[in-house]
Amino acid sequence: FEFGEEVVDFVAKDHTYGLIGVGGNWDTDAAALTKVSDNEFKLEGQALTAEGVKIRADGKWDFSWGFSSLDAASKELAEDADGNFKVKVAGTYTIVIKNFGKDASAVVTLTKTA
């Protein structure tokens, strides 16, 4: 690995994932996502309000996913909040992160459930 290279060889199953920013707390992950498969993790029943949130790996900032990782349908439910995603309508949501690439790219989906 040389400085400036973008090759990461990220392996999704080797990490844990959490949602951060809930209630304005950027120090500790508010909730953990559970493993659905080696390349998909899910959080169900998460209350979200008009505040920015993000998913990060391993409780650190080495890898994180915000607004730019949302799929097109989810971008209709949220807005960009300085790189984080903020739902347009407060409620209960299911959040899924999946389809990880070796460069740590991934797709995040939001589904409003209540």
C-alpha atoms as a PDB file:
ATOM      1  CA  PHE A   1       0.000   0.000   0.000  1.00  0.00           C
ATOM      2  CA  GLU A   2       1.411   3.370  -1.006  1.00  0.00           C
ATOM      3  CA  PHE A   3       0.206   6.748   0.141  1.00  0.00           C
ATOM      4  CA  GLY A   4      -2.430   8.069  -2.217  1.00  0.00           C
ATOM      5  CA  GLU A   5      -3.678   4.670  -3.361  1.00  0.00           C
ATOM      6  CA  GLU A   6      -7.377   4.081  -2.920  1.00  0.00           C
ATOM      7  CA  VAL A   7      -7.257   0.280  -2.822  1.00  0.00           C
ATOM      8  CA  VAL A   8      -8.604  -0.799   0.546  1.00  0.00           C
ATOM      9  CA  ASP A   9      -9.591  -4.484   0.177  1.00  0.00           C
ATOM     10  CA  PHE A  10     -12.492  -3.872   2.531  1.00  0.00           C
ATOM     11  CA  VAL A  11     -14.277  -7.060   3.661  1.00  0.00           C
ATOM     12  CA  ALA A  12     -17.726  -6.247   5.092  1.00  0.00           C
ATOM     13  CA  LYS A  13     -18.042  -9.339   7.301  1.00  0.00           C
ATOM     14  CA  ASP A  14     -14.842  -8.412   9.165  1.00  0.00           C
ATOM     15  CA  HIS A  15     -16.469  -5.317  10.687  1.00  0.00           C
ATOM     16  CA  THR A  16     -19.324  -4.253  12.942  1.00  0.00           C
ATOM     17  CA  TYR A  17     -21.657  -1.376  12.053  1.00  0.00           C
ATOM     18  CA  GLY A  18     -23.421   1.240  14.128  1.00  0.00           C
ATOM     19  CA  LEU A  19     -25.658   4.255  13.663  1.00  0.00           C
ATOM     20  CA  ILE A  20     -24.237   7.471  15.090  1.00  0.00           C
ATOM     21  CA  GLY A  21     -25.634  10.989  15.472  1.00  0.00           C
ATOM     22  CA  VAL A  22     -29.017  10.005  16.950  1.00  0.00           C
ATOM     23  CA  GLY A  23     -30.111  12.660  19.429  1.00  0.00           C
ATOM     24  CA  GLY A  24     -27.079  14.726  18.436  1.00  0.00           C
ATOM     25  CA  ASN A  25     -24.691  12.198  20.027  1.00  0.00           C
ATOM     26  CA  TRP A  26     -21.561  11.908  17.888  1.00  0.00           C
ATOM     27  CA  ASP A  27     -19.465  10.187  20.585  1.00  0.00           C
ATOM     28  CA  THR A  28     -21.128   6.766  20.808  1.00  0.00           C
ATOM     29  CA  ASP A  29     -23.042   4.637  18.330  1.00  0.00           C
ATOM     30  CA  ALA A  30     -26.761   4.733  19.191  1.00  0.00           C
ATOM     31  CA  ALA A  31     -27.564   1.295  17.815  1.00  0.00           C
ATOM     32  CA  ALA A  32     -25.841  -1.665  16.197  1.00  0.00           C
ATOM     33  CA  LEU A  33     -26.805  -3.101  12.842  1.00  0.00           C
ATOM     34  CA  THR A  34     -27.290  -6.872  12.787  1.00  0.00           C
ATOM     35  CA  LYS A  35     -25.765  -9.192  10.211  1.00  0.00           C
ATOM     36  CA  VAL A  36     -28.161 -10.449   7.548  1.00  0.00           C
ATOM     37  CA  SER A  37     -25.401 -11.927   5.382  1.00  0.00           C
ATOM     38  CA  ASP A  38     -21.657 -11.422   4.872  1.00  0.00           C
ATOM     39  CA  ASN A  39     -22.477  -8.385   2.714  1.00  0.00           C
ATOM     40  CA  GLU A  40     -25.637  -6.969   4.351  1.00  0.00           C
ATOM     41  CA  PHE A  41     -26.404  -5.513   7.788  1.00  0.00           C
ATOM     42  CA  LYS A  42     -29.742  -4.172   9.088  1.00  0.00           C
ATOM     43  CA  LEU A  43     -31.209  -2.005  11.842  1.00  0.00           C
ATOM     44  CA  GLU A  44     -34.985  -2.227  12.355  1.00  0.00           C
ATOM     45  CA  GLY A  45     -37.292  -0.025  14.413  1.00  0.00           C
ATOM     46  CA  GLN A  46     -34.964   2.978  14.646  1.00  0.00           C
ATOM     47  CA  ALA A  47     -36.647   6.271  15.539  1.00  0.00           C
ATOM     48  CA  LEU A  48     -35.227   9.133  13.466  1.00  0.00           C
ATOM     49  CA  THR A  49     -36.024  12.840  13.626  1.00  0.00           C
ATOM     50  CA  ALA A  50     -34.751  15.876  11.761  1.00  0.00           C
ATOM     51  CA  GLU A  51     -31.115  15.351  12.686  1.00  0.00           C
ATOM     52  CA  GLY A  52     -28.158  14.106  10.705  1.00  0.00           C
ATOM     53  CA  VAL A  53     -27.016  10.522  11.232  1.00  0.00           C
ATOM     54  CA  LYS A  54     -24.419   8.251   9.671  1.00  0.00           C
ATOM     55  CA  ILE A  55     -23.368   4.603   9.701  1.00  0.00           C
ATOM     56  CA  ARG A  56     -19.804   3.837  10.709  1.00  0.00           C
ATOM     57  CA  ALA A  57     -17.704   0.708  11.097  1.00  0.00           C
ATOM     58  CA  ASP A  58     -16.178  -0.577  14.322  1.00  0.00           C
ATOM     59  CA  GLY A  59     -17.175   2.475  16.400  1.00  0.00           C
ATOM     60  CA  LYS A  60     -14.475   4.522  14.623  1.00  0.00           C
ATOM     61  CA  TRP A  61     -14.310   6.990  11.746  1.00  0.00           C
ATOM     62  CA  ASP A  62     -12.036   5.011   9.406  1.00  0.00           C
ATOM     63  CA  PHE A  63     -15.099   3.972   7.384  1.00  0.00           C
ATOM     64  CA  SER A  64     -18.451   5.762   7.409  1.00  0.00           C
ATOM     65  CA  TRP A  65     -21.460   6.059   5.111  1.00  0.00           C
ATOM     66  CA  GLY A  66     -23.757   9.067   4.832  1.00  0.00           C
ATOM     67  CA  PHE A  67     -26.028  10.755   2.316  1.00  0.00           C
ATOM     68  CA  SER A  68     -23.929   9.942  -0.755  1.00  0.00           C
ATOM     69  CA  SER A  69     -24.319   6.210  -0.011  1.00  0.00           C
ATOM     70  CA  LEU A  70     -28.132   6.293  -0.042  1.00  0.00           C
ATOM     71  CA  ASP A  71     -29.893   4.660  -2.977  1.00  0.00           C
ATOM     72  CA  ALA A  72     -32.156   6.811  -5.151  1.00  0.00           C
ATOM     73  CA  ALA A  73     -35.396   5.886  -3.344  1.00  0.00           C
ATOM     74  CA  SER A  74     -33.844   6.632   0.052  1.00  0.00           C
ATOM     75  CA  LYS A  75     -32.633  10.030  -1.144  1.00  0.00           C
ATOM     76  CA  GLU A  76     -36.329  10.875  -1.586  1.00  0.00           C
ATOM     77  CA  LEU A  77     -36.844  10.231   2.159  1.00  0.00           C
ATOM     78  CA  ALA A  78     -33.781  12.141   3.356  1.00  0.00           C
ATOM     79  CA  GLU A  79     -31.672  15.199   2.693  1.00  0.00           C
ATOM     80  CA  ASP A  80     -27.959  15.877   2.821  1.00  0.00           C
ATOM     81  CA  ALA A  81     -26.893  17.267   6.188  1.00  0.00           C
ATOM     82  CA  ASP A  82     -23.187  18.062   5.769  1.00  0.00           C
ATOM     83  CA  GLY A  83     -22.562  14.577   4.384  1.00  0.00           C
ATOM     84  CA  ASN A  84     -24.832  12.884   6.919  1.00  0.00           C
ATOM     85  CA  PHE A  85     -28.399  11.876   6.096  1.00  0.00           C
ATOM     86  CA  LYS A  86     -31.402  13.496   7.744  1.00  0.00           C
ATOM     87  CA  VAL A  87     -34.919  12.114   7.238  1.00  0.00           C
ATOM     88  CA  LYS A  88     -37.494  14.571   5.922  1.00  0.00           C
ATOM     89  CA  VAL A  89     -40.286  13.052   8.063  1.00  0.00           C
ATOM     90  CA  ALA A  90     -39.684  11.895  11.626  1.00  0.00           C
ATOM     91  CA  GLY A  91     -40.667   8.304  12.258  1.00  0.00           C
ATOM     92  CA  THR A  92     -39.485   4.744  12.625  1.00  0.00           C
ATOM     93  CA  TYR A  93     -37.156   3.401   9.959  1.00  0.00           C
ATOM     94  CA  THR A  94     -35.368   0.267   8.851  1.00  0.00           C
ATOM     95  CA  ILE A  95     -31.817   1.009   7.734  1.00  0.00           C
ATOM     96  CA  VAL A  96     -29.834  -1.449   5.610  1.00  0.00           C
ATOM     97  CA  ILE A  97     -26.245  -1.259   4.400  1.00  0.00           C
ATOM     98  CA  LYS A  98     -25.273  -3.730   1.676  1.00  0.00           C
ATOM     99  CA  ASN A  99     -23.412  -4.394  -1.551  1.00  0.00           C
ATOM    100  CA  PHE A 100     -20.008  -3.473  -0.147  1.00  0.00           C
ATOM    101  CA  GLY A 101     -17.143  -3.003  -2.570  1.00  0.00           C
ATOM    102  CA  LYS A 102     -13.474  -3.684  -1.882  1.00  0.00           C
ATOM    103  CA  ASP A 103     -13.033   0.112  -1.775  1.00  0.00           C
ATOM    104  CA  ALA A 104     -15.496   0.246   1.194  1.00  0.00           C
ATOM    105  CA  SER A 105     -18.271   1.664  -0.973  1.00  0.00           C
ATOM    106  CA  ALA A 106     -21.755   0.449  -0.050  1.00  0.00           C
ATOM    107  CA  VAL A 107     -25.440   1.117  -0.621  1.00  0.00           C
ATOM    108  CA  VAL A 108     -27.614   2.350   2.240  1.00  0.00           C
ATOM    109  CA  THR A 109     -31.414   2.024   2.103  1.00  0.00           C
ATOM    110  CA  LEU A 110     -34.004   3.677   4.323  1.00  0.00           C
ATOM    111  CA  THR A 111     -37.543   2.344   4.675  1.00  0.00           C
ATOM    112  CA  LYS A 112     -40.118   4.231   6.755  1.00  0.00           C
ATOM    113  CA  THR A 113     -42.087   1.690   8.790  1.00  0.00           C
ATOM    114  CA  ALA A 114     -44.130   3.949  11.078  1.00  0.00           C
END
